[in-house]
Amino acid sequence: MRLDGLGLFVDDMAKMIRFYKDVLGFEIKDEENTSNVYLVKDGTLFLLYGRNDFAKMTNQRYEYIKGLNDHLCLNRNLNLGDREPAILLIRKEI
């Protein structure tokens, strides 16, 4: 299975950028918007969203458990025109 994209909520954007870039070797794809940072590694897109910025962007209030990391989404290259086969495939792989 190949993962096309992953989105993560982060509290400290600068710290997470340093970790993914300097420690794990990710490249910054787009640095224009500091509330959402796009990183790429081996063709996989990682999107980092500042938790507070994401809440402002969506006009929603989110509750997070302190110390627990949340994820936004996983993206696998699937044709979701008919969702049932995709759902069955995802359940099989989990």
PDB file of N, CA and C in Angstrom:
ATOM      1  N   MET A   1       0.845  -1.172   0.000  1.00  0.00           N
ATOM      2  CA  MET A   1       0.000   0.000   0.000  1.00  0.00           C
ATOM      3  C   MET A   1       0.892   1.237   0.000  1.00  0.00           C
ATOM      4  N   ARG A   2       0.528   2.211  -0.799  1.00  0.00           N
ATOM      5  CA  ARG A   2       1.261   3.474  -0.844  1.00  0.00           C
ATOM      6  C   ARG A   2       0.373   4.575  -0.302  1.00  0.00           C
ATOM      7  N   LEU A   3       0.909   5.334   0.620  1.00  0.00           N
ATOM      8  CA  LEU A   3       0.199   6.456   1.215  1.00  0.00           C
ATOM      9  C   LEU A   3       0.521   7.708   0.415  1.00  0.00           C
ATOM     10  N   ASP A   4      -0.509   8.384  -0.092  1.00  0.00           N
ATOM     11  CA  ASP A   4      -0.295   9.586  -0.907  1.00  0.00           C
ATOM     12  C   ASP A   4      -0.176  10.853  -0.078  1.00  0.00           C
ATOM     13  N   GLY A   5      -0.874  10.906   1.036  1.00  0.00           N
ATOM     14  CA  GLY A   5      -0.843  12.120   1.839  1.00  0.00           C
ATOM     15  C   GLY A   5      -1.284  11.878   3.260  1.00  0.00           C
ATOM     16  N   LEU A   6      -0.819  12.738   4.149  1.00  0.00           N
ATOM     17  CA  LEU A   6      -1.133  12.631   5.569  1.00  0.00           C
ATOM     18  C   LEU A   6      -1.211  14.037   6.133  1.00  0.00           C
ATOM     19  N   GLY A   7      -2.235  14.315   6.908  1.00  0.00           N
ATOM     20  CA  GLY A   7      -2.365  15.618   7.547  1.00  0.00           C
ATOM     21  C   GLY A   7      -2.291  15.485   9.053  1.00  0.00           C
ATOM     22  N   LEU A   8      -1.512  16.339   9.687  1.00  0.00           N
ATOM     23  CA  LEU A   8      -1.342  16.304  11.140  1.00  0.00           C
ATOM     24  C   LEU A   8      -1.618  17.668  11.748  1.00  0.00           C
ATOM     25  N   PHE A   9      -2.256  17.665  12.910  1.00  0.00           N
ATOM     26  CA  PHE A   9      -2.417  18.884  13.692  1.00  0.00           C
ATOM     27  C   PHE A   9      -1.194  19.026  14.590  1.00  0.00           C
ATOM     28  N   VAL A  10      -0.645  20.224  14.670  1.00  0.00           N
ATOM     29  CA  VAL A  10       0.531  20.453  15.513  1.00  0.00           C
ATOM     30  C   VAL A  10       0.324  21.688  16.379  1.00  0.00           C
ATOM     31  N   ASP A  11       0.939  21.679  17.551  1.00  0.00           N
ATOM     32  CA  ASP A  11       0.884  22.833  18.448  1.00  0.00           C
ATOM     33  C   ASP A  11       2.006  23.824  18.156  1.00  0.00           C
ATOM     34  N   ASP A  12       3.197  23.317  17.902  1.00  0.00           N
ATOM     35  CA  ASP A  12       4.371  24.167  17.695  1.00  0.00           C
ATOM     36  C   ASP A  12       4.888  23.948  16.270  1.00  0.00           C
ATOM     37  N   MET A  13       4.432  24.791  15.344  1.00  0.00           N
ATOM     38  CA  MET A  13       4.752  24.610  13.932  1.00  0.00           C
ATOM     39  C   MET A  13       6.257  24.668  13.675  1.00  0.00           C
ATOM     40  N   ALA A  14       6.954  25.630  14.248  1.00  0.00           N
ATOM     41  CA  ALA A  14       8.398  25.764  14.008  1.00  0.00           C
ATOM     42  C   ALA A  14       9.152  24.518  14.457  1.00  0.00           C
ATOM     43  N   LYS A  15       8.787  23.987  15.606  1.00  0.00           N
ATOM     44  CA  LYS A  15       9.435  22.785  16.138  1.00  0.00           C
ATOM     45  C   LYS A  15       9.172  21.577  15.233  1.00  0.00           C
ATOM     46  N   MET A  16       7.947  21.447  14.749  1.00  0.00           N
ATOM     47  CA  MET A  16       7.602  20.313  13.886  1.00  0.00           C
ATOM     48  C   MET A  16       8.266  20.423  12.519  1.00  0.00           C
ATOM     49  N   ILE A  17       8.371  21.643  11.995  1.00  0.00           N
ATOM     50  CA  ILE A  17       9.065  21.829  10.715  1.00  0.00           C
ATOM     51  C   ILE A  17      10.521  21.417  10.857  1.00  0.00           C
ATOM     52  N   ARG A  18      11.178  21.848  11.934  1.00  0.00           N
ATOM     53  CA  ARG A  18      12.584  21.460  12.162  1.00  0.00           C
ATOM     54  C   ARG A  18      12.710  19.942  12.251  1.00  0.00           C
ATOM     55  N   PHE A  19      11.803  19.286  12.977  1.00  0.00           N
ATOM     56  CA  PHE A  19      11.869  17.835  13.139  1.00  0.00           C
ATOM     57  C   PHE A  19      11.717  17.121  11.791  1.00  0.00           C
ATOM     58  N   TYR A  20      10.659  17.444  11.059  1.00  0.00           N
ATOM     59  CA  TYR A  20      10.412  16.751   9.790  1.00  0.00           C
ATOM     60  C   TYR A  20      11.473  17.074   8.745  1.00  0.00           C
ATOM     61  N   LYS A  21      11.964  18.299   8.739  1.00  0.00           N
ATOM     62  CA  LYS A  21      12.954  18.714   7.747  1.00  0.00           C
ATOM     63  C   LYS A  21      14.362  18.252   8.120  1.00  0.00           C
ATOM     64  N   ASP A  22      14.805  18.572   9.322  1.00  0.00           N
ATOM     65  CA  ASP A  22      16.193  18.316   9.713  1.00  0.00           C
ATOM     66  C   ASP A  22      16.446  16.883  10.172  1.00  0.00           C
ATOM     67  N   VAL A  23      15.500  16.287  10.867  1.00  0.00           N
ATOM     68  CA  VAL A  23      15.705  14.931  11.392  1.00  0.00           C
ATOM     69  C   VAL A  23      15.267  13.872  10.386  1.00  0.00           C
ATOM     70  N   LEU A  24      14.076  14.047   9.792  1.00  0.00           N
ATOM     71  CA  LEU A  24      13.536  13.022   8.895  1.00  0.00           C
ATOM     72  C   LEU A  24      13.821  13.277   7.417  1.00  0.00           C
ATOM     73  N   GLY A  25      14.349  14.452   7.085  1.00  0.00           N
ATOM     74  CA  GLY A  25      14.758  14.732   5.710  1.00  0.00           C
ATOM     75  C   GLY A  25      13.649  15.129   4.749  1.00  0.00           C
ATOM     76  N   PHE A  26      12.546  15.654   5.247  1.00  0.00           N
ATOM     77  CA  PHE A  26      11.471  16.116   4.374  1.00  0.00           C
ATOM     78  C   PHE A  26      11.874  17.419   3.697  1.00  0.00           C
ATOM     79  N   GLU A  27      11.298  17.669   2.520  1.00  0.00           N
ATOM     80  CA  GLU A  27      11.492  18.935   1.821  1.00  0.00           C
ATOM     81  C   GLU A  27      10.227  19.764   1.970  1.00  0.00           C
ATOM     82  N   ILE A  28      10.391  21.070   2.173  1.00  0.00           N
ATOM     83  CA  ILE A  28       9.235  21.956   2.248  1.00  0.00           C
ATOM     84  C   ILE A  28       8.774  22.247   0.828  1.00  0.00           C
ATOM     85  N   LYS A  29       7.519  21.924   0.559  1.00  0.00           N
ATOM     86  CA  LYS A  29       6.967  22.129  -0.781  1.00  0.00           C
ATOM     87  C   LYS A  29       6.449  23.547  -0.955  1.00  0.00           C
ATOM     88  N   ASP A  30       5.821  24.085   0.075  1.00  0.00           N
ATOM     89  CA  ASP A  30       5.227  25.416  -0.025  1.00  0.00           C
ATOM     90  C   ASP A  30       5.333  26.086   1.327  1.00  0.00           C
ATOM     91  N   GLU A  31       6.076  27.178   1.382  1.00  0.00           N
ATOM     92  CA  GLU A  31       6.343  27.853   2.648  1.00  0.00           C
ATOM     93  C   GLU A  31       5.574  29.167   2.774  1.00  0.00           C
ATOM     94  N   GLU A  32       4.731  29.469   1.812  1.00  0.00           N
ATOM     95  CA  GLU A  32       4.046  30.759   1.772  1.00  0.00           C
ATOM     96  C   GLU A  32       3.087  30.955   2.942  1.00  0.00           C
ATOM     97  N   ASN A  33       2.365  29.923   3.309  1.00  0.00           N
ATOM     98  CA  ASN A  33       1.346  30.033   4.350  1.00  0.00           C
ATOM     99  C   ASN A  33       1.858  29.337   5.602  1.00  0.00           C
ATOM    100  N   THR A  34       2.220  30.091   6.618  1.00  0.00           N
ATOM    101  CA  THR A  34       2.831  29.492   7.804  1.00  0.00           C
ATOM    102  C   THR A  34       1.841  28.759   8.697  1.00  0.00           C
ATOM    103  N   SER A  35       0.528  28.926   8.472  1.00  0.00           N
ATOM    104  CA  SER A  35      -0.434  28.182   9.287  1.00  0.00           C
ATOM    105  C   SER A  35      -0.637  26.773   8.747  1.00  0.00           C
ATOM    106  N   ASN A  36      -0.302  26.544   7.477  1.00  0.00           N
ATOM    107  CA  ASN A  36      -0.361  25.214   6.868  1.00  0.00           C
ATOM    108  C   ASN A  36       0.944  25.005   6.115  1.00  0.00           C
ATOM    109  N   VAL A  37       1.676  23.986   6.478  1.00  0.00           N
ATOM    110  CA  VAL A  37       2.967  23.734   5.837  1.00  0.00           C
ATOM    111  C   VAL A  37       2.895  22.402   5.102  1.00  0.00           C
ATOM    112  N   TYR A  38       3.370  22.400   3.868  1.00  0.00           N
ATOM    113  CA  TYR A  38       3.343  21.218   3.024  1.00  0.00           C
ATOM    114  C   TYR A  38       4.762  20.679   2.887  1.00  0.00           C
ATOM    115  N   LEU A  39       4.957  19.429   3.284  1.00  0.00           N
ATOM    116  CA  LEU A  39       6.259  18.778   3.214  1.00  0.00           C
ATOM    117  C   LEU A  39       6.147  17.541   2.334  1.00  0.00           C
ATOM    118  N   VAL A  40       7.243  17.176   1.673  1.00  0.00           N
ATOM    119  CA  VAL A  40       7.239  16.006   0.801  1.00  0.00           C
ATOM    120  C   VAL A  40       8.432  15.125   1.134  1.00  0.00           C
ATOM    121  N   LYS A  41       8.180  13.810   1.152  1.00  0.00           N
ATOM    122  CA  LYS A  41       9.252  12.825   1.347  1.00  0.00           C
ATOM    123  C   LYS A  41       8.899  11.606   0.510  1.00  0.00           C
ATOM    124  N   ASP A  42       9.779  11.237  -0.398  1.00  0.00           N
ATOM    125  CA  ASP A  42       9.579  10.061  -1.250  1.00  0.00           C
ATOM    126  C   ASP A  42       8.220  10.067  -1.941  1.00  0.00           C
ATOM    127  N   GLY A  43       7.791  11.249  -2.395  1.00  0.00           N
ATOM    128  CA  GLY A  43       6.535  11.359  -3.123  1.00  0.00           C
ATOM    129  C   GLY A  43       5.286  11.413  -2.261  1.00  0.00           C
ATOM    130  N   THR A  44       5.439  11.369  -0.947  1.00  0.00           N
ATOM    131  CA  THR A  44       4.290  11.444  -0.043  1.00  0.00           C
ATOM    132  C   THR A  44       4.183  12.855   0.513  1.00  0.00           C
ATOM    133  N   LEU A  45       2.982  13.408   0.463  1.00  0.00           N
ATOM    134  CA  LEU A  45       2.718  14.757   0.944  1.00  0.00           C
ATOM    135  C   LEU A  45       2.303  14.716   2.407  1.00  0.00           C
ATOM    136  N   PHE A  46       2.971  15.500   3.233  1.00  0.00           N
ATOM    137  CA  PHE A  46       2.613  15.669   4.644  1.00  0.00           C
ATOM    138  C   PHE A  46       2.157  17.103   4.826  1.00  0.00           C
ATOM    139  N   LEU A  47       0.957  17.265   5.363  1.00  0.00           N
ATOM    140  CA  LEU A  47       0.414  18.600   5.613  1.00  0.00           C
ATOM    141  C   LEU A  47       0.391  18.819   7.109  1.00  0.00           C
ATOM    142  N   LEU A  48       1.029  19.866   7.561  1.00  0.00           N
ATOM    143  CA  LEU A  48       1.016  20.221   8.975  1.00  0.00           C
ATOM    144  C   LEU A  48       0.079  21.408   9.150  1.00  0.00           C
ATOM    145  N   TYR A  49      -0.881  21.240  10.030  1.00  0.00           N
ATOM    146  CA  TYR A  49      -1.856  22.293  10.318  1.00  0.00           C
ATOM    147  C   TYR A  49      -1.683  22.737  11.759  1.00  0.00           C
ATOM    148  N   GLY A  50      -1.500  24.014  11.972  1.00  0.00           N
ATOM    149  CA  GLY A  50      -1.505  24.529  13.334  1.00  0.00           C
ATOM    150  C   GLY A  50      -2.897  24.346  13.922  1.00  0.00           C
ATOM    151  N   ARG A  51      -2.985  23.773  15.115  1.00  0.00           N
ATOM    152  CA  ARG A  51      -4.308  23.482  15.694  1.00  0.00           C
ATOM    153  C   ARG A  51      -5.180  24.722  15.795  1.00  0.00           C
ATOM    154  N   ASN A  52      -4.642  25.798  16.328  1.00  0.00           N
ATOM    155  CA  ASN A  52      -5.437  27.018  16.469  1.00  0.00           C
ATOM    156  C   ASN A  52      -5.776  27.625  15.114  1.00  0.00           C
ATOM    157  N   ASP A  53      -4.839  27.575  14.187  1.00  0.00           N
ATOM    158  CA  ASP A  53      -5.077  28.119  12.850  1.00  0.00           C
ATOM    159  C   ASP A  53      -6.158  27.333  12.118  1.00  0.00           C
ATOM    160  N   PHE A  54      -6.153  26.007  12.293  1.00  0.00           N
ATOM    161  CA  PHE A  54      -7.161  25.171  11.640  1.00  0.00           C
ATOM    162  C   PHE A  54      -8.551  25.495  12.186  1.00  0.00           C
ATOM    163  N   ALA A  55      -8.640  25.711  13.487  1.00  0.00           N
ATOM    164  CA  ALA A  55      -9.924  26.067  14.103  1.00  0.00           C
ATOM    165  C   ALA A  55     -10.432  27.397  13.546  1.00  0.00           C
ATOM    166  N   LYS A  56      -9.535  28.367  13.400  1.00  0.00           N
ATOM    167  CA  LYS A  56      -9.928  29.663  12.831  1.00  0.00           C
ATOM    168  C   LYS A  56     -10.357  29.512  11.373  1.00  0.00           C
ATOM    169  N   MET A  57      -9.609  28.705  10.619  1.00  0.00           N
ATOM    170  CA  MET A  57      -9.882  28.520   9.203  1.00  0.00           C
ATOM    171  C   MET A  57     -11.254  27.873   8.975  1.00  0.00           C
ATOM    172  N   THR A  58     -11.648  26.968   9.854  1.00  0.00           N
ATOM    173  CA  THR A  58     -12.907  26.242   9.687  1.00  0.00           C
ATOM    174  C   THR A  58     -14.054  26.830  10.503  1.00  0.00           C
ATOM    175  N   ASN A  59     -13.775  27.882  11.271  1.00  0.00           N
ATOM    176  CA  ASN A  59     -14.788  28.474  12.153  1.00  0.00           C
ATOM    177  C   ASN A  59     -15.413  27.440  13.084  1.00  0.00           C
ATOM    178  N   GLN A  60     -14.601  26.528  13.567  1.00  0.00           N
ATOM    179  CA  GLN A  60     -15.049  25.477  14.482  1.00  0.00           C
ATOM    180  C   GLN A  60     -14.173  25.498  15.723  1.00  0.00           C
ATOM    181  N   ARG A  61     -14.726  25.032  16.812  1.00  0.00           N
ATOM    182  CA  ARG A  61     -13.944  24.867  18.040  1.00  0.00           C
ATOM    183  C   ARG A  61     -13.704  23.376  18.227  1.00  0.00           C
ATOM    184  N   TYR A  62     -12.462  22.990  18.409  1.00  0.00           N
ATOM    185  CA  TYR A  62     -12.106  21.585  18.561  1.00  0.00           C
ATOM    186  C   TYR A  62     -11.555  21.339  19.954  1.00  0.00           C
ATOM    187  N   GLU A  63     -11.879  20.200  20.498  1.00  0.00           N
ATOM    188  CA  GLU A  63     -11.364  19.788  21.803  1.00  0.00           C
ATOM    189  C   GLU A  63     -10.268  18.750  21.572  1.00  0.00           C
ATOM    190  N   TYR A  64      -9.120  18.968  22.162  1.00  0.00           N
ATOM    191  CA  TYR A  64      -8.008  18.029  22.037  1.00  0.00           C
ATOM    192  C   TYR A  64      -7.625  17.534  23.419  1.00  0.00           C
ATOM    193  N   ILE A  65      -7.291  16.277  23.502  1.00  0.00           N
ATOM    194  CA  ILE A  65      -6.827  15.709  24.762  1.00  0.00           C
ATOM    195  C   ILE A  65      -5.354  16.065  24.908  1.00  0.00           C
ATOM    196  N   LYS A  66      -4.991  16.700  26.014  1.00  0.00           N
ATOM    197  CA  LYS A  66      -3.608  17.123  26.231  1.00  0.00           C
ATOM    198  C   LYS A  66      -2.680  15.908  26.189  1.00  0.00           C
ATOM    199  N   GLY A  67      -1.626  16.023  25.414  1.00  0.00           N
ATOM    200  CA  GLY A  67      -0.647  14.953  25.295  1.00  0.00           C
ATOM    201  C   GLY A  67      -0.978  13.925  24.226  1.00  0.00           C
ATOM    202  N   LEU A  68      -2.176  13.999  23.654  1.00  0.00           N
ATOM    203  CA  LEU A  68      -2.564  13.052  22.609  1.00  0.00           C
ATOM    204  C   LEU A  68      -2.453  13.743  21.260  1.00  0.00           C
ATOM    205  N   ASN A  69      -1.779  13.111  20.337  1.00  0.00           N
ATOM    206  CA  ASN A  69      -1.628  13.689  19.013  1.00  0.00           C
ATOM    207  C   ASN A  69      -2.796  13.244  18.150  1.00  0.00           C
ATOM    208  N   ASP A  70      -3.377  14.166  17.422  1.00  0.00           N
ATOM    209  CA  ASP A  70      -4.491  13.866  16.533  1.00  0.00           C
ATOM    210  C   ASP A  70      -4.004  13.853  15.100  1.00  0.00           C
ATOM    211  N   HIS A  71      -4.750  13.192  14.243  1.00  0.00           N
ATOM    212  CA  HIS A  71      -4.455  13.264  12.816  1.00  0.00           C
ATOM    213  C   HIS A  71      -5.648  13.854  12.100  1.00  0.00           C
ATOM    214  N   LEU A  72      -5.394  14.418  10.964  1.00  0.00           N
ATOM    215  CA  LEU A  72      -6.452  15.016  10.171  1.00  0.00           C
ATOM    216  C   LEU A  72      -6.971  14.017   9.151  1.00  0.00           C
ATOM    217  N   CYS A  73      -6.093  13.434   8.357  1.00  0.00           N
ATOM    218  CA  CYS A  73      -6.572  12.518   7.327  1.00  0.00           C
ATOM    219  C   CYS A  73      -5.434  11.669   6.791  1.00  0.00           C
ATOM    220  N   LEU A  74      -5.826  10.579   6.177  1.00  0.00           N
ATOM    221  CA  LEU A  74      -4.927   9.744   5.393  1.00  0.00           C
ATOM    222  C   LEU A  74      -5.498   9.723   3.991  1.00  0.00           C
ATOM    223  N   ASN A  75      -4.661   9.796   3.002  1.00  0.00           N
ATOM    224  CA  ASN A  75      -5.144   9.802   1.636  1.00  0.00           C
ATOM    225  C   ASN A  75      -4.442   8.709   0.857  1.00  0.00           C
ATOM    226  N   ARG A  76      -5.229   7.796   0.356  1.00  0.00           N
ATOM    227  CA  ARG A  76      -4.698   6.761  -0.513  1.00  0.00           C
ATOM    228  C   ARG A  76      -5.325   6.967  -1.877  1.00  0.00           C
ATOM    229  N   ASN A  77      -4.588   6.741  -2.901  1.00  0.00           N
ATOM    230  CA  ASN A  77      -5.077   6.992  -4.248  1.00  0.00           C
ATOM    231  C   ASN A  77      -6.155   5.980  -4.614  1.00  0.00           C
ATOM    232  N   LEU A  78      -7.406   6.299  -4.294  1.00  0.00           N
ATOM    233  CA  LEU A  78      -8.545   5.438  -4.591  1.00  0.00           C
ATOM    234  C   LEU A  78      -9.581   6.221  -5.368  1.00  0.00           C
ATOM    235  N   ASN A  79     -10.270   5.555  -6.252  1.00  0.00           N
ATOM    236  CA  ASN A  79     -11.412   6.157  -6.921  1.00  0.00           C
ATOM    237  C   ASN A  79     -12.617   5.950  -6.018  1.00  0.00           C
ATOM    238  N   LEU A  80     -13.132   7.029  -5.452  1.00  0.00           N
ATOM    239  CA  LEU A  80     -14.222   6.912  -4.489  1.00  0.00           C
ATOM    240  C   LEU A  80     -15.583   7.147  -5.121  1.00  0.00           C
ATOM    241  N   GLY A  81     -15.693   6.948  -6.424  1.00  0.00           N
ATOM    242  CA  GLY A  81     -16.995   7.070  -7.067  1.00  0.00           C
ATOM    243  C   GLY A  81     -17.987   6.106  -6.435  1.00  0.00           C
ATOM    244  N   ASP A  82     -17.561   4.893  -6.187  1.00  0.00           N
ATOM    245  CA  ASP A  82     -18.369   3.905  -5.472  1.00  0.00           C
ATOM    246  C   ASP A  82     -17.650   3.654  -4.159  1.00  0.00           C
ATOM    247  N   ARG A  83     -18.172   4.158  -3.070  1.00  0.00           N
ATOM    248  CA  ARG A  83     -17.470   4.132  -1.788  1.00  0.00           C
ATOM    249  C   ARG A  83     -17.382   2.751  -1.153  1.00  0.00           C
ATOM    250  N   GLU A  84     -18.327   1.883  -1.410  1.00  0.00           N
ATOM    251  CA  GLU A  84     -18.341   0.586  -0.724  1.00  0.00           C
ATOM    252  C   GLU A  84     -17.054  -0.218  -0.948  1.00  0.00           C
ATOM    253  N   PRO A  85     -16.566  -0.387  -2.195  1.00  0.00           N
ATOM    254  CA  PRO A  85     -15.304  -1.121  -2.369  1.00  0.00           C
ATOM    255  C   PRO A  85     -14.136  -0.465  -1.634  1.00  0.00           C
ATOM    256  N   ALA A  86     -14.109   0.872  -1.619  1.00  0.00           N
ATOM    257  CA  ALA A  86     -13.026   1.575  -0.928  1.00  0.00           C
ATOM    258  C   ALA A  86     -13.094   1.334   0.570  1.00  0.00           C
ATOM    259  N   ILE A  87     -14.287   1.383   1.138  1.00  0.00           N
ATOM    260  CA  ILE A  87     -14.459   1.145   2.574  1.00  0.00           C
ATOM    261  C   ILE A  87     -14.039  -0.273   2.927  1.00  0.00           C
ATOM    262  N   LEU A  88     -14.432  -1.244   2.122  1.00  0.00           N
ATOM    263  CA  LEU A  88     -14.047  -2.636   2.378  1.00  0.00           C
ATOM    264  C   LEU A  88     -12.537  -2.808   2.292  1.00  0.00           C
ATOM    265  N   LEU A  89     -11.898  -2.158   1.322  1.00  0.00           N
ATOM    266  CA  LEU A  89     -10.450  -2.244   1.170  1.00  0.00           C
ATOM    267  C   LEU A  89      -9.741  -1.647   2.375  1.00  0.00           C
ATOM    268  N   ILE A  90     -10.198  -0.509   2.841  1.00  0.00           N
ATOM    269  CA  ILE A  90      -9.582   0.132   4.003  1.00  0.00           C
ATOM    270  C   ILE A  90      -9.748  -0.740   5.239  1.00  0.00           C
ATOM    271  N   ARG A  91     -10.925  -1.292   5.458  1.00  0.00           N
ATOM    272  CA  ARG A  91     -11.150  -2.168   6.620  1.00  0.00           C
ATOM    273  C   ARG A  91     -10.251  -3.396   6.570  1.00  0.00           C
ATOM    274  N   LYS A  92     -10.041  -3.933   5.389  1.00  0.00           N
ATOM    275  CA  LYS A  92      -9.187  -5.114   5.225  1.00  0.00           C
ATOM    276  C   LYS A  92      -7.746  -4.798   5.615  1.00  0.00           C
ATOM    277  N   GLU A  93      -7.278  -3.587   5.304  1.00  0.00           N
ATOM    278  CA  GLU A  93      -5.887  -3.224   5.536  1.00  0.00           C
ATOM    279  C   GLU A  93      -5.621  -2.708   6.935  1.00  0.00           C
ATOM    280  N   ILE A  94      -6.653  -2.399   7.696  1.00  0.00           N
ATOM    281  CA  ILE A  94      -6.448  -1.877   9.053  1.00  0.00           C
ATOM    282  C   ILE A  94      -6.198  -3.026  10.006  1.00  0.00           C
TER     283      ILE A  94
END
